[in-house]
């Protein structure tokens, strides 16, 4: 028996695999969760080279192997699905940088090279989710855009809490710590965007990472000289 290639508009292989598992054994709750995940995976497939605002509920449902009306058993709207994608992608980003700063309090200032190396690995392994975050950060769907802004703010505050544990920063106030954390997060997000928009050559990637490393080092050096307001 020969297989035929996917024709335009058919379900992507990854989403079909999810659907197949959803249709196999398991409790009703498990099947519902599997179908919900299939909807998320189908959406990530669709937004790989398109904006979230350009895809339709019908396309997402078809990609997950369900009828459009069944979509509402899992998400209240396309905007709701988009916000869930943001939350999932931000969890990936948090894990990427948390690994590099896990022992921040004992080591002092974070190591720029280690942080960027960890981030680079995550970008390569979860490129679709990072591409979605970068594209929709200034995209046309307001709910998704606001969700990304909120998640990045929370991430900056989480980093600020870690920075407060650094011995040389114990006298810093919350406002100064959050400004420093915002700078670090902005550099990281800009680097991700440049990596995703790059030509894929190793030399180009290395140059982008080295530039980001210099930027982070400058931030860390500036933090060491900053006199916090009392």
N, C-alpha and C. Protein backbone atom coordinates (compact mmCIF):
# COMPACT_ATOMS: atom_id res chain seq x y z
N UNK A 1 0.85 -1.19 0.00
CA UNK A 1 0.00 0.00 0.00
C UNK A 1 0.88 1.24 0.00
N UNK A 2 0.68 2.12 -0.95
CA UNK A 2 1.50 3.31 -1.05
C UNK A 2 0.83 4.48 -0.38
N UNK A 3 1.66 5.39 0.14
CA UNK A 3 1.12 6.59 0.79
C UNK A 3 1.15 7.73 -0.20
N UNK A 4 0.29 8.67 -0.01
CA UNK A 4 0.23 9.84 -0.88
C UNK A 4 0.62 11.05 -0.09
N UNK A 5 1.30 12.03 -0.71
CA UNK A 5 1.72 13.21 0.00
C UNK A 5 0.54 14.05 0.43
N UNK A 6 0.75 14.87 1.41
CA UNK A 6 -0.31 15.77 1.85
C UNK A 6 -0.65 16.74 0.73
N UNK A 7 -1.91 16.93 0.49
CA UNK A 7 -2.34 17.93 -0.47
C UNK A 7 -2.67 19.20 0.25
N UNK A 8 -2.69 20.37 -0.47
CA UNK A 8 -2.97 21.63 0.20
C UNK A 8 -4.27 21.58 0.99
N UNK A 9 -4.22 22.08 2.21
CA UNK A 9 -5.42 22.14 3.02
C UNK A 9 -5.67 20.91 3.86
N UNK A 10 -4.84 19.85 3.69
CA UNK A 10 -5.05 18.66 4.51
C UNK A 10 -4.40 18.85 5.86
N UNK A 11 -4.75 17.98 6.80
CA UNK A 11 -4.23 18.09 8.16
C UNK A 11 -2.74 17.82 8.19
N UNK A 12 -1.93 18.67 8.84
CA UNK A 12 -0.49 18.41 8.95
C UNK A 12 -0.25 17.09 9.66
N UNK A 13 0.89 16.46 9.36
CA UNK A 13 1.18 15.14 9.94
C UNK A 13 1.19 15.17 11.45
N UNK A 14 1.77 16.23 12.03
CA UNK A 14 1.85 16.30 13.49
C UNK A 14 0.46 16.35 14.11
N UNK A 15 -0.44 17.14 13.51
CA UNK A 15 -1.79 17.24 14.05
C UNK A 15 -2.54 15.93 13.84
N UNK A 16 -2.29 15.24 12.72
CA UNK A 16 -2.95 13.95 12.48
C UNK A 16 -2.54 12.94 13.52
N UNK A 17 -1.25 12.99 13.91
CA UNK A 17 -0.77 12.07 14.94
C UNK A 17 -1.47 12.33 16.25
N UNK A 18 -1.66 13.60 16.58
CA UNK A 18 -2.37 13.96 17.80
C UNK A 18 -3.81 13.45 17.73
N UNK A 19 -4.44 13.65 16.58
CA UNK A 19 -5.82 13.21 16.43
C UNK A 19 -5.94 11.71 16.56
N UNK A 20 -4.96 11.00 15.99
CA UNK A 20 -4.99 9.54 16.07
C UNK A 20 -4.95 9.08 17.52
N UNK A 21 -4.09 9.74 18.32
CA UNK A 21 -4.03 9.37 19.72
C UNK A 21 -5.32 9.72 20.44
N UNK A 22 -5.91 10.85 20.04
CA UNK A 22 -7.15 11.27 20.69
C UNK A 22 -8.28 10.29 20.41
N UNK A 23 -8.22 9.66 19.20
CA UNK A 23 -9.29 8.74 18.82
C UNK A 23 -9.07 7.34 19.39
N UNK A 24 -7.87 7.10 19.94
CA UNK A 24 -7.60 5.78 20.51
C UNK A 24 -8.17 5.73 21.91
N UNK A 25 -7.78 4.70 22.68
CA UNK A 25 -8.35 4.49 24.00
C UNK A 25 -8.09 5.64 24.95
N UNK A 26 -8.66 5.54 26.16
CA UNK A 26 -8.49 6.56 27.17
C UNK A 26 -9.83 7.07 27.65
N UNK A 27 -9.80 7.71 28.79
CA UNK A 27 -11.03 8.25 29.35
C UNK A 27 -11.51 9.45 28.55
N UNK A 28 -12.74 9.88 28.83
CA UNK A 28 -13.28 11.04 28.13
C UNK A 28 -12.45 12.28 28.42
N UNK A 29 -12.02 12.43 29.67
CA UNK A 29 -11.20 13.59 30.04
C UNK A 29 -9.87 13.57 29.29
N UNK A 30 -9.27 12.39 29.14
CA UNK A 30 -8.01 12.28 28.43
C UNK A 30 -8.19 12.62 26.96
N UNK A 31 -9.28 12.13 26.37
CA UNK A 31 -9.55 12.42 24.96
C UNK A 31 -9.78 13.92 24.75
N UNK A 32 -10.48 14.54 25.70
CA UNK A 32 -10.74 15.98 25.58
C UNK A 32 -9.43 16.76 25.64
N UNK A 33 -8.54 16.37 26.54
CA UNK A 33 -7.26 17.05 26.67
C UNK A 33 -6.40 16.84 25.41
N UNK A 34 -6.46 15.62 24.85
CA UNK A 34 -5.70 15.34 23.64
C UNK A 34 -6.22 16.15 22.45
N UNK A 35 -7.54 16.29 22.35
CA UNK A 35 -8.11 17.09 21.27
C UNK A 35 -7.76 18.56 21.45
N UNK A 36 -7.79 19.02 22.69
CA UNK A 36 -7.41 20.41 22.98
C UNK A 36 -5.96 20.65 22.56
N UNK A 37 -5.08 19.71 22.87
CA UNK A 37 -3.69 19.85 22.47
C UNK A 37 -3.54 19.80 20.96
N UNK A 38 -4.35 18.96 20.31
CA UNK A 38 -4.31 18.89 18.85
C UNK A 38 -4.69 20.23 18.22
N UNK A 39 -5.63 20.95 18.83
CA UNK A 39 -6.00 22.28 18.34
C UNK A 39 -4.83 23.25 18.48
N UNK A 40 -4.14 23.18 19.61
CA UNK A 40 -2.98 24.05 19.82
C UNK A 40 -1.87 23.72 18.82
N UNK A 41 -1.61 22.43 18.61
CA UNK A 41 -0.56 22.03 17.68
C UNK A 41 -0.91 22.44 16.25
N UNK A 42 -2.17 22.27 15.88
CA UNK A 42 -2.59 22.66 14.53
C UNK A 42 -2.42 24.15 14.32
N UNK A 43 -2.71 24.93 15.35
CA UNK A 43 -2.55 26.38 15.24
C UNK A 43 -1.09 26.76 15.08
N UNK A 44 -0.21 26.14 15.87
CA UNK A 44 1.22 26.42 15.74
C UNK A 44 1.71 26.08 14.34
N UNK A 45 1.21 24.99 13.76
CA UNK A 45 1.56 24.65 12.38
C UNK A 45 1.13 25.76 11.42
N UNK A 46 -0.08 26.26 11.62
CA UNK A 46 -0.63 27.26 10.71
C UNK A 46 0.07 28.61 10.81
N UNK A 47 0.51 28.98 12.02
CA UNK A 47 1.13 30.30 12.19
C UNK A 47 2.64 30.26 11.98
N UNK A 48 3.16 29.15 11.51
CA UNK A 48 4.60 29.06 11.29
C UNK A 48 5.07 30.11 10.30
N UNK A 49 4.27 30.42 9.30
CA UNK A 49 4.65 31.44 8.32
C UNK A 49 3.51 32.43 8.05
N UNK A 50 2.56 32.50 8.98
CA UNK A 50 1.43 33.43 8.85
C UNK A 50 1.16 34.07 10.20
N UNK A 51 0.42 35.16 10.18
CA UNK A 51 0.03 35.79 11.43
C UNK A 51 -1.16 35.07 12.03
N UNK A 52 -1.29 35.15 13.35
CA UNK A 52 -2.40 34.49 14.02
C UNK A 52 -3.75 35.06 13.54
N UNK A 53 -3.78 36.36 13.30
CA UNK A 53 -5.03 36.99 12.87
C UNK A 53 -5.49 36.56 11.50
N UNK A 54 -4.61 35.93 10.71
CA UNK A 54 -4.98 35.54 9.35
C UNK A 54 -5.56 34.14 9.27
N UNK A 55 -5.54 33.38 10.35
CA UNK A 55 -6.07 32.02 10.30
C UNK A 55 -7.50 31.99 10.85
N UNK A 56 -8.25 31.03 10.40
CA UNK A 56 -9.65 30.94 10.80
C UNK A 56 -9.90 29.77 11.73
N UNK A 57 -10.99 29.86 12.46
CA UNK A 57 -11.40 28.76 13.34
C UNK A 57 -11.59 27.48 12.53
N UNK A 58 -12.15 27.61 11.35
CA UNK A 58 -12.40 26.43 10.51
C UNK A 58 -11.09 25.74 10.13
N UNK A 59 -10.06 26.52 9.82
CA UNK A 59 -8.76 25.93 9.48
C UNK A 59 -8.17 25.18 10.67
N UNK A 60 -8.28 25.78 11.85
CA UNK A 60 -7.74 25.16 13.05
C UNK A 60 -8.47 23.85 13.35
N UNK A 61 -9.80 23.89 13.26
CA UNK A 61 -10.59 22.68 13.52
C UNK A 61 -10.24 21.58 12.52
N UNK A 62 -10.12 21.94 11.25
CA UNK A 62 -9.76 20.95 10.24
C UNK A 62 -8.38 20.36 10.52
N UNK A 63 -7.44 21.20 10.95
CA UNK A 63 -6.11 20.72 11.26
C UNK A 63 -6.08 19.74 12.42
N UNK A 64 -7.01 19.93 13.37
CA UNK A 64 -7.09 19.04 14.53
C UNK A 64 -7.99 17.84 14.27
N UNK A 65 -8.65 17.82 13.12
CA UNK A 65 -9.50 16.68 12.78
C UNK A 65 -10.86 16.68 13.45
N UNK A 66 -11.39 17.87 13.76
CA UNK A 66 -12.72 17.94 14.37
C UNK A 66 -13.59 18.90 13.56
N UNK A 67 -14.88 18.85 13.81
CA UNK A 67 -15.79 19.78 13.14
C UNK A 67 -15.69 21.14 13.84
N UNK A 68 -15.93 22.23 13.12
CA UNK A 68 -15.78 23.57 13.71
C UNK A 68 -16.58 23.78 14.99
N UNK A 69 -17.80 23.25 15.05
CA UNK A 69 -18.62 23.47 16.25
C UNK A 69 -18.01 22.84 17.49
N UNK A 70 -17.21 21.79 17.30
CA UNK A 70 -16.58 21.12 18.45
C UNK A 70 -15.46 21.96 19.05
N UNK A 71 -15.01 22.95 18.31
CA UNK A 71 -13.94 23.83 18.81
C UNK A 71 -14.33 24.45 20.14
N UNK A 72 -15.61 24.83 20.27
CA UNK A 72 -16.06 25.57 21.44
C UNK A 72 -16.17 24.70 22.70
N UNK A 73 -15.95 23.42 22.56
CA UNK A 73 -15.87 22.57 23.75
C UNK A 73 -14.51 22.74 24.45
N UNK A 74 -13.58 23.38 23.76
CA UNK A 74 -12.23 23.49 24.28
C UNK A 74 -11.77 24.93 24.49
N UNK A 75 -12.24 25.84 23.65
CA UNK A 75 -11.87 27.25 23.76
C UNK A 75 -13.09 28.12 23.51
N UNK A 76 -13.17 29.23 24.25
CA UNK A 76 -14.32 30.12 24.10
C UNK A 76 -14.28 30.87 22.77
N UNK A 77 -13.09 31.09 22.23
CA UNK A 77 -12.93 31.86 21.00
C UNK A 77 -11.53 31.64 20.46
N UNK A 78 -11.27 32.15 19.26
CA UNK A 78 -9.93 32.10 18.72
C UNK A 78 -8.97 32.92 19.58
N UNK A 79 -9.47 34.03 20.13
CA UNK A 79 -8.63 34.84 21.01
C UNK A 79 -8.22 34.05 22.25
N UNK A 80 -9.14 33.29 22.79
CA UNK A 80 -8.85 32.46 23.96
C UNK A 80 -7.76 31.44 23.62
N UNK A 81 -7.87 30.83 22.45
CA UNK A 81 -6.85 29.88 22.01
C UNK A 81 -5.50 30.58 21.86
N UNK A 82 -5.50 31.79 21.31
CA UNK A 82 -4.26 32.54 21.13
C UNK A 82 -3.58 32.86 22.45
N UNK A 83 -4.37 33.24 23.45
CA UNK A 83 -3.82 33.54 24.78
C UNK A 83 -3.21 32.28 25.39
N UNK A 84 -3.84 31.14 25.19
CA UNK A 84 -3.31 29.87 25.69
C UNK A 84 -1.97 29.55 25.03
N UNK A 85 -1.86 29.82 23.74
CA UNK A 85 -0.60 29.61 23.04
C UNK A 85 0.50 30.50 23.62
N UNK A 86 0.14 31.74 23.95
CA UNK A 86 1.11 32.65 24.56
C UNK A 86 1.61 32.08 25.88
N UNK A 87 0.68 31.63 26.71
CA UNK A 87 1.05 31.08 28.02
C UNK A 87 1.95 29.86 27.87
N UNK A 88 1.65 29.00 26.90
CA UNK A 88 2.48 27.82 26.67
C UNK A 88 3.88 28.22 26.20
N UNK A 89 3.95 29.18 25.26
CA UNK A 89 5.24 29.61 24.73
C UNK A 89 6.08 30.29 25.80
N UNK A 90 5.45 31.07 26.67
CA UNK A 90 6.18 31.74 27.73
C UNK A 90 6.72 30.76 28.75
N UNK A 91 6.03 29.65 28.94
CA UNK A 91 6.57 28.62 29.83
C UNK A 91 7.87 28.06 29.27
N UNK A 92 7.92 27.91 27.95
CA UNK A 92 9.15 27.45 27.30
C UNK A 92 10.26 28.47 27.51
N UNK A 93 9.94 29.76 27.33
CA UNK A 93 10.94 30.81 27.51
C UNK A 93 11.42 30.87 28.95
N UNK A 94 10.51 30.75 29.90
CA UNK A 94 10.91 30.77 31.30
C UNK A 94 11.87 29.63 31.62
N UNK A 95 11.53 28.45 31.13
CA UNK A 95 12.41 27.30 31.38
C UNK A 95 13.80 27.54 30.79
N UNK A 96 13.82 28.15 29.59
CA UNK A 96 15.09 28.38 28.92
C UNK A 96 16.03 29.24 29.75
N UNK A 97 15.51 30.30 30.32
CA UNK A 97 16.36 31.23 31.05
C UNK A 97 16.49 30.86 32.52
N UNK A 98 15.50 30.15 33.06
CA UNK A 98 15.60 29.73 34.46
C UNK A 98 16.76 28.75 34.64
N UNK A 99 16.98 27.90 33.65
CA UNK A 99 18.09 26.95 33.72
C UNK A 99 19.43 27.67 33.83
N UNK A 100 19.55 28.80 33.13
CA UNK A 100 20.82 29.52 33.12
C UNK A 100 21.03 30.36 34.37
N UNK A 101 19.98 30.64 35.12
CA UNK A 101 20.14 31.49 36.31
C UNK A 101 19.65 30.79 37.58
N UNK A 102 19.59 29.46 37.54
CA UNK A 102 19.04 28.69 38.66
C UNK A 102 19.82 28.95 39.95
N UNK A 103 21.14 29.04 39.84
CA UNK A 103 21.96 29.24 41.03
C UNK A 103 22.50 30.67 41.10
N UNK A 104 21.70 31.61 40.68
CA UNK A 104 22.11 33.01 40.61
C UNK A 104 22.58 33.54 41.95
N UNK A 105 21.85 33.22 43.02
CA UNK A 105 22.16 33.79 44.32
C UNK A 105 23.52 33.36 44.85
N UNK A 106 23.99 32.17 44.46
CA UNK A 106 25.28 31.70 44.96
C UNK A 106 26.44 32.10 44.06
N UNK A 107 26.16 32.37 42.80
CA UNK A 107 27.23 32.69 41.86
C UNK A 107 27.41 34.19 41.68
N UNK A 108 26.48 34.99 42.12
CA UNK A 108 26.57 36.42 41.89
C UNK A 108 25.90 36.81 40.58
N UNK A 109 26.53 37.71 39.81
CA UNK A 109 25.92 38.17 38.57
C UNK A 109 25.79 37.02 37.57
N UNK A 110 24.71 36.97 36.81
CA UNK A 110 24.52 35.89 35.83
C UNK A 110 25.57 35.94 34.74
N UNK A 111 25.86 34.79 34.16
CA UNK A 111 26.84 34.70 33.08
C UNK A 111 26.13 34.87 31.75
N UNK A 112 26.49 35.91 31.01
CA UNK A 112 25.81 36.22 29.75
C UNK A 112 25.95 35.08 28.76
N UNK A 113 27.14 34.52 28.66
CA UNK A 113 27.37 33.45 27.68
C UNK A 113 26.53 32.22 27.99
N UNK A 114 26.45 31.84 29.26
CA UNK A 114 25.64 30.68 29.64
C UNK A 114 24.17 30.93 29.34
N UNK A 115 23.69 32.11 29.68
CA UNK A 115 22.29 32.44 29.45
C UNK A 115 21.95 32.39 27.97
N UNK A 116 22.82 32.95 27.14
CA UNK A 116 22.57 32.98 25.70
C UNK A 116 22.69 31.60 25.09
N UNK A 117 23.62 30.79 25.59
CA UNK A 117 23.77 29.43 25.09
C UNK A 117 22.51 28.61 25.35
N UNK A 118 21.96 28.76 26.55
CA UNK A 118 20.72 28.06 26.90
C UNK A 118 19.57 28.55 26.04
N UNK A 119 19.48 29.86 25.87
CA UNK A 119 18.41 30.43 25.05
C UNK A 119 18.51 29.94 23.61
N UNK A 120 19.71 29.90 23.06
CA UNK A 120 19.91 29.48 21.68
C UNK A 120 19.44 28.04 21.47
N UNK A 121 19.75 27.17 22.41
CA UNK A 121 19.30 25.77 22.30
C UNK A 121 17.78 25.68 22.28
N UNK A 122 17.13 26.49 23.14
CA UNK A 122 15.67 26.45 23.20
C UNK A 122 15.05 27.01 21.93
N UNK A 123 15.66 28.05 21.36
CA UNK A 123 15.13 28.62 20.12
C UNK A 123 15.16 27.58 19.01
N UNK A 124 16.24 26.81 18.94
CA UNK A 124 16.35 25.79 17.90
C UNK A 124 15.38 24.63 18.14
N UNK A 125 15.15 24.27 19.40
CA UNK A 125 14.29 23.11 19.68
C UNK A 125 12.81 23.46 19.70
N UNK A 126 12.47 24.73 19.95
CA UNK A 126 11.06 25.15 20.00
C UNK A 126 10.85 26.38 19.12
N UNK A 127 11.37 26.31 17.90
CA UNK A 127 11.37 27.47 17.02
C UNK A 127 9.97 27.99 16.73
N UNK A 128 9.01 27.10 16.51
CA UNK A 128 7.66 27.54 16.16
C UNK A 128 7.03 28.38 17.25
N UNK A 129 7.21 27.97 18.51
CA UNK A 129 6.63 28.72 19.61
C UNK A 129 7.30 30.08 19.77
N UNK A 130 8.62 30.13 19.63
CA UNK A 130 9.32 31.41 19.72
C UNK A 130 8.93 32.32 18.56
N UNK A 131 8.78 31.76 17.37
CA UNK A 131 8.40 32.56 16.21
C UNK A 131 7.00 33.16 16.43
N UNK A 132 6.11 32.37 17.00
CA UNK A 132 4.77 32.86 17.31
C UNK A 132 4.84 34.04 18.28
N UNK A 133 5.63 33.91 19.35
CA UNK A 133 5.76 34.99 20.33
C UNK A 133 6.29 36.27 19.71
N UNK A 134 7.35 36.14 18.93
CA UNK A 134 7.99 37.31 18.34
C UNK A 134 7.05 37.99 17.35
N UNK A 135 6.40 37.19 16.50
CA UNK A 135 5.53 37.77 15.48
C UNK A 135 4.31 38.45 16.10
N UNK A 136 3.74 37.82 17.12
CA UNK A 136 2.49 38.35 17.67
C UNK A 136 2.71 39.38 18.78
N UNK A 137 3.95 39.60 19.18
CA UNK A 137 4.23 40.60 20.22
C UNK A 137 3.72 41.97 19.80
N UNK A 138 3.78 42.26 18.51
CA UNK A 138 3.27 43.52 17.98
C UNK A 138 2.24 43.23 16.89
N UNK A 139 1.53 42.12 17.04
CA UNK A 139 0.57 41.69 16.02
C UNK A 139 -0.76 42.41 16.08
N UNK A 140 -1.69 41.91 15.27
CA UNK A 140 -2.96 42.60 15.12
C UNK A 140 -4.07 42.15 16.04
N UNK A 141 -3.89 41.05 16.78
CA UNK A 141 -4.93 40.57 17.69
C UNK A 141 -4.65 41.12 19.08
N UNK A 142 -5.49 42.05 19.53
CA UNK A 142 -5.22 42.80 20.75
C UNK A 142 -5.08 41.90 21.97
N UNK A 143 -5.96 40.90 22.09
CA UNK A 143 -5.92 40.02 23.27
C UNK A 143 -4.60 39.26 23.35
N UNK A 144 -4.13 38.80 22.22
CA UNK A 144 -2.87 38.06 22.19
C UNK A 144 -1.70 38.99 22.48
N UNK A 145 -1.74 40.17 21.89
CA UNK A 145 -0.69 41.16 22.12
C UNK A 145 -0.60 41.54 23.60
N UNK A 146 -1.75 41.75 24.23
CA UNK A 146 -1.76 42.10 25.65
C UNK A 146 -1.28 40.94 26.51
N UNK A 147 -1.62 39.72 26.12
CA UNK A 147 -1.18 38.54 26.87
C UNK A 147 0.34 38.42 26.85
N UNK A 148 0.95 38.69 25.70
CA UNK A 148 2.41 38.63 25.60
C UNK A 148 3.03 39.71 26.46
N UNK A 149 2.49 40.92 26.42
CA UNK A 149 3.02 42.02 27.23
C UNK A 149 2.92 41.68 28.72
N UNK A 150 1.80 41.10 29.13
CA UNK A 150 1.62 40.73 30.53
C UNK A 150 2.60 39.65 30.94
N UNK A 151 2.77 38.65 30.10
CA UNK A 151 3.69 37.56 30.42
C UNK A 151 5.14 38.05 30.50
N UNK A 152 5.52 38.96 29.60
CA UNK A 152 6.88 39.49 29.64
C UNK A 152 7.10 40.35 30.89
N UNK A 153 6.06 41.07 31.31
CA UNK A 153 6.15 41.86 32.54
C UNK A 153 6.34 40.95 33.74
N UNK A 154 5.57 39.87 33.79
CA UNK A 154 5.71 38.92 34.89
C UNK A 154 7.08 38.26 34.88
N UNK A 155 7.58 37.98 33.68
CA UNK A 155 8.89 37.38 33.56
C UNK A 155 9.97 38.34 34.06
N UNK A 156 9.85 39.62 33.71
CA UNK A 156 10.80 40.63 34.19
C UNK A 156 10.78 40.72 35.70
N UNK A 157 9.60 40.67 36.28
CA UNK A 157 9.49 40.75 37.73
C UNK A 157 10.10 39.52 38.40
N UNK A 158 9.93 38.37 37.77
CA UNK A 158 10.54 37.14 38.29
C UNK A 158 12.06 37.25 38.27
N UNK A 159 12.60 37.81 37.18
CA UNK A 159 14.04 38.01 37.08
C UNK A 159 14.51 39.05 38.10
N UNK A 160 13.70 40.09 38.32
CA UNK A 160 14.06 41.11 39.31
C UNK A 160 14.17 40.52 40.71
N UNK A 161 13.30 39.57 41.02
CA UNK A 161 13.37 38.90 42.33
C UNK A 161 14.68 38.13 42.45
N UNK A 162 15.10 37.47 41.37
CA UNK A 162 16.37 36.75 41.40
C UNK A 162 17.54 37.73 41.55
N UNK A 163 17.48 38.85 40.85
CA UNK A 163 18.55 39.83 40.94
C UNK A 163 18.67 40.38 42.36
N UNK A 164 17.54 40.49 43.05
CA UNK A 164 17.56 41.02 44.41
C UNK A 164 18.35 40.13 45.36
N UNK A 165 18.57 38.86 44.98
CA UNK A 165 19.32 37.94 45.82
C UNK A 165 20.83 38.04 45.60
N UNK A 166 21.24 38.77 44.56
CA UNK A 166 22.67 38.95 44.30
C UNK A 166 23.25 39.84 45.39
N UNK A 167 24.34 39.40 46.06
CA UNK A 167 24.89 40.17 47.18
C UNK A 167 25.15 41.64 46.88
N UNK A 168 25.64 41.95 45.68
CA UNK A 168 25.96 43.34 45.36
C UNK A 168 24.74 44.20 45.05
N UNK A 169 23.57 43.56 44.98
CA UNK A 169 22.35 44.30 44.63
C UNK A 169 21.34 44.33 45.77
N UNK A 170 21.74 43.91 46.95
CA UNK A 170 20.79 43.80 48.06
C UNK A 170 20.21 45.16 48.48
N UNK A 171 20.92 46.24 48.17
CA UNK A 171 20.42 47.56 48.56
C UNK A 171 19.57 48.21 47.48
N UNK A 172 19.44 47.55 46.37
CA UNK A 172 18.64 48.12 45.27
C UNK A 172 17.15 48.06 45.62
N UNK A 173 16.43 49.09 45.19
CA UNK A 173 14.98 49.08 45.35
C UNK A 173 14.30 48.31 44.23
N UNK A 174 13.03 48.02 44.42
CA UNK A 174 12.28 47.23 43.44
C UNK A 174 12.25 47.89 42.07
N UNK A 175 12.09 49.22 42.04
CA UNK A 175 11.99 49.92 40.76
C UNK A 175 13.27 49.77 39.94
N UNK A 176 14.44 49.95 40.59
CA UNK A 176 15.71 49.80 39.88
C UNK A 176 15.93 48.38 39.41
N UNK A 177 15.57 47.41 40.23
CA UNK A 177 15.72 46.01 39.86
C UNK A 177 14.86 45.67 38.64
N UNK A 178 13.65 46.21 38.60
CA UNK A 178 12.76 45.93 37.48
C UNK A 178 13.26 46.58 36.20
N UNK A 179 13.87 47.77 36.30
CA UNK A 179 14.45 48.41 35.12
C UNK A 179 15.58 47.54 34.56
N UNK A 180 16.46 47.05 35.44
CA UNK A 180 17.55 46.18 35.00
C UNK A 180 17.03 44.90 34.38
N UNK A 181 16.03 44.31 35.00
CA UNK A 181 15.44 43.07 34.46
C UNK A 181 14.80 43.31 33.10
N UNK A 182 14.13 44.46 32.94
CA UNK A 182 13.53 44.80 31.65
C UNK A 182 14.58 44.87 30.56
N UNK A 183 15.74 45.45 30.88
CA UNK A 183 16.82 45.55 29.89
C UNK A 183 17.29 44.17 29.46
N UNK A 184 17.46 43.27 30.42
CA UNK A 184 17.92 41.92 30.11
C UNK A 184 16.89 41.19 29.24
N UNK A 185 15.62 41.28 29.61
CA UNK A 185 14.58 40.61 28.84
C UNK A 185 14.47 41.20 27.44
N UNK A 186 14.59 42.50 27.31
CA UNK A 186 14.52 43.15 25.99
C UNK A 186 15.64 42.67 25.08
N UNK A 187 16.85 42.56 25.63
CA UNK A 187 17.98 42.08 24.85
C UNK A 187 17.74 40.64 24.40
N UNK A 188 17.21 39.82 25.30
CA UNK A 188 16.94 38.42 24.98
C UNK A 188 15.89 38.31 23.86
N UNK A 189 14.82 39.06 23.98
CA UNK A 189 13.75 38.99 22.98
C UNK A 189 14.22 39.51 21.62
N UNK A 190 15.02 40.58 21.63
CA UNK A 190 15.55 41.11 20.38
C UNK A 190 16.48 40.09 19.72
N UNK A 191 17.28 39.42 20.53
CA UNK A 191 18.19 38.40 20.01
C UNK A 191 17.42 37.24 19.39
N UNK A 192 16.36 36.81 20.06
CA UNK A 192 15.53 35.74 19.50
C UNK A 192 14.96 36.15 18.14
N UNK A 193 14.43 37.38 18.06
CA UNK A 193 13.86 37.86 16.80
C UNK A 193 14.91 37.89 15.69
N UNK A 194 16.11 38.34 16.01
CA UNK A 194 17.18 38.41 15.01
C UNK A 194 17.63 37.02 14.58
N UNK A 195 17.66 36.09 15.52
CA UNK A 195 18.04 34.72 15.17
C UNK A 195 17.02 34.08 14.24
N UNK A 196 15.75 34.31 14.52
CA UNK A 196 14.70 33.72 13.70
C UNK A 196 14.63 34.35 12.32
N UNK A 197 15.02 35.63 12.22
CA UNK A 197 14.99 36.32 10.93
C UNK A 197 16.31 36.20 10.18
N UNK A 198 17.29 35.54 10.78
CA UNK A 198 18.60 35.42 10.16
C UNK A 198 18.62 34.48 8.97
N UNK A 199 19.78 34.40 8.34
CA UNK A 199 19.92 33.56 7.14
C UNK A 199 20.25 32.11 7.46
N UNK A 200 20.35 31.77 8.77
CA UNK A 200 20.60 30.39 9.17
C UNK A 200 22.05 29.98 9.14
N UNK A 201 22.94 30.87 8.69
CA UNK A 201 24.36 30.51 8.63
C UNK A 201 24.98 30.57 10.03
N UNK A 202 25.90 29.67 10.30
CA UNK A 202 26.52 29.59 11.61
C UNK A 202 27.27 30.88 11.95
N UNK A 203 27.93 31.48 10.96
CA UNK A 203 28.68 32.71 11.20
C UNK A 203 27.76 33.85 11.59
N UNK A 204 26.62 33.94 10.93
CA UNK A 204 25.65 34.99 11.25
C UNK A 204 25.11 34.81 12.65
N UNK A 205 24.78 33.59 12.98
CA UNK A 205 24.25 33.28 14.31
C UNK A 205 25.27 33.59 15.38
N UNK A 206 26.52 33.23 15.13
CA UNK A 206 27.57 33.48 16.10
C UNK A 206 27.76 34.98 16.33
N UNK A 207 27.68 35.76 15.24
CA UNK A 207 27.84 37.21 15.36
C UNK A 207 26.70 37.83 16.18
N UNK A 208 25.48 37.34 15.97
CA UNK A 208 24.33 37.85 16.71
C UNK A 208 24.46 37.54 18.20
N UNK A 209 24.89 36.33 18.51
CA UNK A 209 25.04 35.93 19.91
C UNK A 209 26.16 36.73 20.58
N UNK A 210 27.27 36.92 19.88
CA UNK A 210 28.38 37.70 20.44
C UNK A 210 27.95 39.14 20.70
N UNK A 211 27.16 39.70 19.81
CA UNK A 211 26.66 41.07 20.01
C UNK A 211 25.76 41.13 21.24
N UNK A 212 24.87 40.16 21.37
CA UNK A 212 23.98 40.13 22.54
C UNK A 212 24.77 39.95 23.82
N UNK A 213 25.82 39.14 23.75
CA UNK A 213 26.65 38.93 24.94
C UNK A 213 27.29 40.25 25.39
N UNK A 214 27.79 41.02 24.44
CA UNK A 214 28.38 42.32 24.77
C UNK A 214 27.33 43.24 25.40
N UNK A 215 26.13 43.21 24.85
CA UNK A 215 25.07 44.06 25.40
C UNK A 215 24.76 43.69 26.84
N UNK A 216 24.67 42.39 27.11
CA UNK A 216 24.38 41.94 28.47
C UNK A 216 25.51 42.27 29.42
N UNK A 217 26.74 42.10 28.97
CA UNK A 217 27.88 42.43 29.82
C UNK A 217 27.88 43.92 30.17
N UNK A 218 27.56 44.75 29.18
CA UNK A 218 27.47 46.19 29.45
C UNK A 218 26.40 46.50 30.48
N UNK A 219 25.27 45.81 30.40
CA UNK A 219 24.21 46.00 31.39
C UNK A 219 24.70 45.59 32.76
N UNK A 220 25.35 44.42 32.85
CA UNK A 220 25.82 43.93 34.14
C UNK A 220 26.90 44.86 34.73
N UNK A 221 27.81 45.35 33.88
CA UNK A 221 28.83 46.28 34.36
C UNK A 221 28.20 47.59 34.84
N UNK A 222 27.22 48.04 34.10
CA UNK A 222 26.52 49.26 34.51
C UNK A 222 25.78 49.08 35.83
N UNK A 223 25.22 47.90 36.02
CA UNK A 223 24.53 47.61 37.29
C UNK A 223 25.50 47.66 38.46
N UNK A 224 26.73 47.18 38.22
CA UNK A 224 27.72 47.16 39.30
C UNK A 224 28.12 48.57 39.73
N UNK A 225 27.98 49.53 38.81
CA UNK A 225 28.38 50.92 39.11
C UNK A 225 27.19 51.80 39.52
N UNK A 226 25.99 51.29 39.35
CA UNK A 226 24.80 52.11 39.62
C UNK A 226 24.63 52.35 41.12
N UNK A 227 24.32 53.59 41.44
CA UNK A 227 24.06 53.96 42.83
C UNK A 227 22.55 54.02 43.02
N UNK A 228 21.99 53.04 43.73
CA UNK A 228 20.52 53.00 43.87
C UNK A 228 20.01 54.17 44.69
N UNK A 229 18.80 54.60 44.36
CA UNK A 229 18.16 55.66 45.12
C UNK A 229 17.75 55.14 46.48
N UNK A 230 17.90 55.97 47.48
CA UNK A 230 17.57 55.56 48.84
C UNK A 230 16.30 56.27 49.31
